[in-house]
Amino acid sequence: TQAGRSFVEQARQILNEASKLNALSNELTGQVRGPLHVACLVTFAQAVIPAIRRTFSDTYPDVDFFQYERDHAAILEGLRMARFDVALSYDLDIPADMTFRELAVLPPYAVLHEDHPLAGRSEVTVQDLAAHPMILLDLPFSATYFLSLFRDAGLNPRIVERTRDMSVMRAMVANRFGYSIANIRPIPDHALDGGRLISVPLSGNLRPMHMGLISMRDASPALTVRRFVDVCVERVRAMADMHPPLPSEQQKGSS
């Protein structure tokens, strides 16, 4: 009803004002406390947000941390609607009213089952992959990026299945339904069902993904958000150091 919608809108305004008062109190006292709403891209949430949250919560125990796993389109919408204070995602079509702070550069790689004909190579090209069946990670913005790697080379991938779930994609590859492409490389080299996966870098002049923090441009970040950004910078750098090298990186290190 109209009355109900009016009530919800007024309640939202009251909560927003309360949040502003809490942020002002933190600025005046230097204390990091209160609510923090963080969104993370679903494709790398399991590899990134738990460790970041653990470090942040241990350092700032008075912050009420709320996390949300969303696709990129939902993240942009949630930021604009003030559902999230800040978000971890890729630099995909960032609107003009938002800012992006880069944390890591993630080049694309092919995800292959261990018996795939290309699994023994140190690197592959999109030309090598085009004739093989592909499992597309079909998320908003991400799918467009993956397909652009082929389109820019004048190729069309042979898509045999689409999924919006990273774990399902990895399991499909491990069970020999096709290869896939990703930018986040989880440390375990097995799918959830135990099938072994091989990660092979893509060569050529291909655009990498840039992982970073997105926030509204006209918003003055609260102290809680600024401290979260500091933790993200520290933890993402540490995570990059912990990742095992790809086959080509191992060869470079031993030469």
Protein backbone atom coordinates (compact mmCIF):
# COMPACT_ATOMS: atom_id res chain seq x y z
CA THR A 1 0.00 0.00 0.00
CA GLN A 2 0.99 3.64 -0.32
CA ALA A 3 1.08 3.99 3.47
CA GLY A 4 3.34 0.97 3.75
CA ARG A 5 5.74 2.27 1.11
CA SER A 6 5.83 5.65 2.85
CA PHE A 7 6.61 3.96 6.17
CA VAL A 8 9.45 1.95 4.64
CA GLU A 9 10.94 5.06 3.01
CA GLN A 10 10.81 7.04 6.25
CA ALA A 11 12.34 4.13 8.15
CA ARG A 12 15.16 3.97 5.59
CA GLN A 13 15.82 7.69 6.02
CA ILE A 14 15.94 7.31 9.81
CA LEU A 15 18.43 4.44 9.51
CA ASN A 16 20.57 6.48 7.11
CA GLU A 17 20.64 9.40 9.53
CA ALA A 18 21.55 7.07 12.39
CA SER A 19 24.39 5.67 10.28
CA LYS A 20 25.67 9.19 9.61
CA LEU A 21 25.60 10.00 13.33
CA ASN A 22 27.55 6.82 14.09
CA ALA A 23 30.13 7.70 11.42
CA LEU A 24 30.48 11.23 12.83
CA SER A 25 30.95 9.82 16.33
CA ASN A 26 33.71 7.54 15.05
CA GLU A 27 35.47 10.45 13.37
CA LEU A 28 35.35 12.54 16.54
CA THR A 29 36.54 9.79 18.87
CA GLY A 30 38.83 7.91 16.47
CA GLN A 31 37.05 4.66 17.33
CA VAL A 32 36.32 2.11 14.61
CA ARG A 33 32.90 0.68 15.40
CA GLY A 34 29.36 0.32 14.09
CA PRO A 35 27.99 -1.47 11.01
CA LEU A 36 29.95 -2.15 7.82
CA HIS A 37 28.19 -3.58 4.76
CA VAL A 38 30.60 -5.16 2.28
CA ALA A 39 29.69 -6.78 -1.04
CA CYS A 40 32.03 -9.17 -2.86
CA LEU A 41 31.90 -10.59 -6.37
CA VAL A 42 30.55 -14.11 -6.12
CA THR A 43 33.24 -15.60 -8.38
CA PHE A 44 36.05 -14.90 -5.94
CA ALA A 45 34.21 -14.37 -2.64
CA GLN A 46 35.20 -17.75 -1.20
CA ALA A 47 38.88 -17.12 -1.99
CA VAL A 48 39.06 -13.54 -0.73
CA ILE A 49 36.44 -12.28 1.72
CA PRO A 50 36.81 -14.79 4.62
CA ALA A 51 40.51 -14.00 5.15
CA ILE A 52 39.95 -10.25 4.80
CA ARG A 53 37.02 -10.36 7.22
CA ARG A 54 38.99 -12.42 9.76
CA THR A 55 41.85 -9.91 9.80
CA PHE A 56 39.49 -6.93 9.94
CA SER A 57 37.28 -8.39 12.68
CA ASP A 58 40.28 -9.34 14.81
CA THR A 59 41.66 -5.82 14.50
CA TYR A 60 38.34 -3.99 14.91
CA PRO A 61 36.06 -6.21 17.03
CA ASP A 62 33.52 -3.43 17.64
CA VAL A 63 32.49 -3.34 13.98
CA ASP A 64 29.35 -5.25 12.99
CA PHE A 65 30.43 -6.81 9.70
CA PHE A 66 27.80 -7.75 7.11
CA GLN A 67 28.93 -9.49 3.91
CA TYR A 68 27.05 -10.09 0.67
CA GLU A 69 28.06 -12.26 -2.30
CA ARG A 70 26.63 -10.83 -5.52
CA ASP A 71 27.29 -10.67 -9.25
CA HIS A 72 28.79 -7.47 -10.64
CA ALA A 73 25.50 -5.97 -11.80
CA ALA A 74 23.90 -6.49 -8.38
CA ILE A 75 26.95 -4.95 -6.70
CA LEU A 76 26.69 -1.76 -8.76
CA GLU A 77 22.97 -1.52 -8.05
CA GLY A 78 23.48 -2.14 -4.33
CA LEU A 79 26.13 0.56 -4.05
CA ARG A 80 23.89 3.07 -5.79
CA MET A 81 20.97 2.16 -3.50
CA ALA A 82 23.27 2.53 -0.43
CA ARG A 83 22.80 -1.12 0.56
CA PHE A 84 26.60 -1.55 0.58
CA ASP A 85 29.29 0.76 1.92
CA VAL A 86 32.01 -0.67 -0.30
CA ALA A 87 32.47 -3.64 -2.63
CA LEU A 88 35.20 -5.94 -3.92
CA SER A 89 34.84 -6.66 -7.63
CA TYR A 90 36.45 -6.21 -11.05
CA ASP A 91 36.90 -3.03 -13.09
CA LEU A 92 34.09 -3.93 -15.48
CA ASP A 93 32.12 -0.94 -16.81
CA ILE A 94 32.48 1.10 -13.62
CA PRO A 95 29.89 3.94 -13.80
CA ALA A 96 31.04 7.55 -13.72
CA ASP A 97 29.46 8.11 -10.29
CA MET A 98 31.64 5.40 -8.71
CA THR A 99 35.35 5.06 -7.99
CA PHE A 100 37.59 2.02 -8.36
CA ARG A 101 40.78 1.37 -6.39
CA GLU A 102 42.91 -1.39 -7.86
CA LEU A 103 44.21 -4.11 -5.55
CA ALA A 104 45.48 -6.79 -7.94
CA VAL A 105 45.94 -7.51 -11.65
CA LEU A 106 44.64 -10.94 -12.65
CA PRO A 107 45.44 -12.19 -16.17
CA PRO A 108 43.19 -14.85 -17.71
CA TYR A 109 44.06 -18.53 -17.71
CA ALA A 110 42.52 -21.69 -19.12
CA VAL A 111 40.98 -24.19 -16.70
CA LEU A 112 41.54 -27.72 -18.06
CA HIS A 113 41.04 -31.27 -16.84
CA GLU A 114 44.30 -33.12 -16.33
CA ASP A 115 43.90 -35.27 -19.47
CA HIS A 116 42.99 -32.40 -21.79
CA PRO A 117 45.17 -32.30 -24.94
CA LEU A 118 46.39 -28.80 -23.99
CA ALA A 119 47.01 -29.52 -20.29
CA GLY A 120 50.72 -30.20 -20.75
CA ARG A 121 51.52 -26.82 -22.29
CA SER A 122 53.13 -23.95 -20.42
CA GLU A 123 50.68 -21.53 -22.09
CA VAL A 124 47.86 -21.57 -24.64
CA THR A 125 46.20 -19.08 -26.97
CA VAL A 126 42.53 -18.44 -27.67
CA GLN A 127 43.23 -19.89 -31.12
CA ASP A 128 44.29 -23.15 -29.42
CA LEU A 129 41.10 -23.22 -27.34
CA ALA A 130 38.50 -22.15 -29.90
CA ALA A 131 37.91 -25.60 -31.41
CA HIS A 132 37.47 -27.30 -28.02
CA PRO A 133 34.18 -27.40 -26.05
CA MET A 134 33.87 -24.56 -23.53
CA ILE A 135 32.06 -24.26 -20.19
CA LEU A 136 31.23 -20.55 -19.92
CA LEU A 137 31.04 -18.86 -16.52
CA ASP A 138 27.91 -16.96 -17.48
CA LEU A 139 27.68 -14.04 -15.07
CA PRO A 140 26.76 -10.43 -15.96
CA PHE A 141 29.79 -8.50 -17.25
CA SER A 142 32.14 -11.47 -16.62
CA ALA A 143 30.74 -13.51 -19.53
CA THR A 144 31.10 -10.49 -21.82
CA TYR A 145 34.75 -10.21 -20.82
CA PHE A 146 35.49 -13.90 -21.44
CA LEU A 147 33.80 -13.84 -24.85
CA SER A 148 35.65 -10.64 -25.81
CA LEU A 149 38.95 -12.53 -25.60
CA PHE A 150 37.78 -14.59 -28.58
CA ARG A 151 35.85 -11.86 -30.37
CA ASP A 152 38.89 -9.56 -30.43
CA ALA A 153 40.78 -12.35 -32.21
CA GLY A 154 37.96 -12.87 -34.74
CA LEU A 155 36.92 -16.16 -33.15
CA ASN A 156 33.78 -17.70 -31.66
CA PRO A 157 34.23 -20.19 -28.80
CA ARG A 158 32.43 -23.52 -28.96
CA ILE A 159 30.18 -23.12 -25.90
CA VAL A 160 28.58 -26.41 -24.81
CA GLU A 161 27.40 -25.37 -21.34
CA ARG A 162 26.84 -22.24 -19.27
CA THR A 163 26.79 -21.89 -15.49
CA ARG A 164 26.66 -19.01 -13.02
CA ASP A 165 28.46 -20.99 -10.31
CA MET A 166 32.27 -21.10 -10.13
CA SER A 167 32.27 -24.46 -8.33
CA VAL A 168 29.94 -26.01 -10.92
CA MET A 169 32.16 -24.71 -13.71
CA ARG A 170 35.24 -26.28 -12.13
CA ALA A 171 33.43 -29.59 -11.58
CA MET A 172 32.20 -29.66 -15.20
CA VAL A 173 35.76 -29.11 -16.41
CA ALA A 174 37.14 -31.76 -14.05
CA ASN A 175 34.58 -34.23 -15.47
CA ARG A 176 35.78 -33.58 -19.04
CA PHE A 177 32.81 -31.64 -20.40
CA GLY A 178 35.11 -28.89 -21.64
CA TYR A 179 37.56 -26.18 -20.64
CA SER A 180 36.80 -22.81 -19.11
CA ILE A 181 38.50 -19.46 -18.57
CA ALA A 182 38.92 -17.67 -15.25
CA ASN A 183 41.05 -15.01 -13.60
CA ILE A 184 40.92 -16.19 -9.99
CA ARG A 185 42.94 -19.32 -9.35
CA PRO A 186 41.97 -21.05 -6.07
CA ILE A 187 44.91 -22.66 -4.29
CA PRO A 188 43.45 -26.22 -4.36
CA ASP A 189 43.89 -27.76 -7.82
CA HIS A 190 40.85 -30.02 -7.45
CA ALA A 191 37.14 -29.48 -8.03
CA LEU A 192 34.73 -30.12 -5.16
CA ASP A 193 34.07 -33.65 -6.41
CA GLY A 194 37.79 -34.46 -6.36
CA GLY A 195 38.57 -34.10 -10.06
CA ARG A 196 42.01 -32.60 -10.75
CA LEU A 197 42.28 -29.32 -12.65
CA ILE A 198 45.18 -27.77 -14.54
CA SER A 199 45.64 -23.99 -14.83
CA VAL A 200 47.42 -22.81 -17.97
CA PRO A 201 48.07 -19.10 -18.66
CA LEU A 202 46.62 -17.54 -21.80
CA SER A 203 49.25 -15.89 -23.97
CA GLY A 204 48.79 -12.96 -26.31
CA ASN A 205 47.86 -9.33 -25.84
CA LEU A 206 44.82 -10.06 -23.66
CA ARG A 207 43.25 -7.65 -21.23
CA PRO A 208 43.60 -8.83 -17.61
CA MET A 209 40.98 -8.36 -14.93
CA HIS A 210 41.70 -5.78 -12.25
CA MET A 211 40.40 -6.65 -8.79
CA GLY A 212 39.66 -3.71 -6.56
CA LEU A 213 37.35 -1.74 -4.31
CA ILE A 214 34.31 0.11 -5.63
CA SER A 215 32.50 2.89 -3.79
CA MET A 216 30.30 5.87 -4.61
CA ARG A 217 32.29 8.84 -5.90
CA ASP A 218 30.36 11.52 -3.99
CA ALA A 219 30.45 9.69 -0.65
CA SER A 220 33.00 10.66 1.98
CA PRO A 221 34.22 7.26 3.24
CA ALA A 222 33.64 6.77 6.95
CA LEU A 223 36.51 5.82 9.23
CA THR A 224 35.26 2.22 9.29
CA VAL A 225 35.38 2.03 5.50
CA ARG A 226 38.85 3.60 5.35
CA ARG A 227 40.20 1.03 7.80
CA PHE A 228 38.59 -1.76 5.78
CA VAL A 229 40.34 -0.46 2.66
CA ASP A 230 43.67 -0.56 4.51
CA VAL A 231 43.09 -4.20 5.49
CA CYS A 232 42.11 -5.12 1.92
CA VAL A 233 45.33 -3.65 0.52
CA GLU A 234 47.39 -5.63 3.03
CA ARG A 235 45.54 -8.94 2.78
CA VAL A 236 45.15 -9.09 -1.01
CA ARG A 237 48.88 -8.51 -1.40
CA ALA A 238 49.53 -11.36 1.06
CA MET A 239 47.10 -13.65 -0.78
CA ALA A 240 48.92 -13.05 -4.06
CA ASP A 241 52.16 -14.09 -2.37
CA MET A 242 50.58 -17.32 -1.10
CA HIS A 243 49.28 -18.52 -4.46
CA PRO A 244 51.31 -21.38 -5.94
CA PRO A 245 53.06 -20.47 -9.20
CA LEU A 246 51.55 -21.49 -12.51
CA PRO A 247 53.58 -23.95 -14.62
CA SER A 248 55.19 -21.15 -16.67
CA GLU A 249 56.06 -19.25 -13.48
CA GLN A 250 57.72 -22.35 -12.06
CA GLN A 251 59.83 -22.63 -15.19
CA LYS A 252 60.85 -18.97 -14.97
CA GLY A 253 61.81 -19.41 -11.34
CA SER A 254 64.01 -22.44 -12.07
CA SER A 255 65.79 -21.01 -15.10
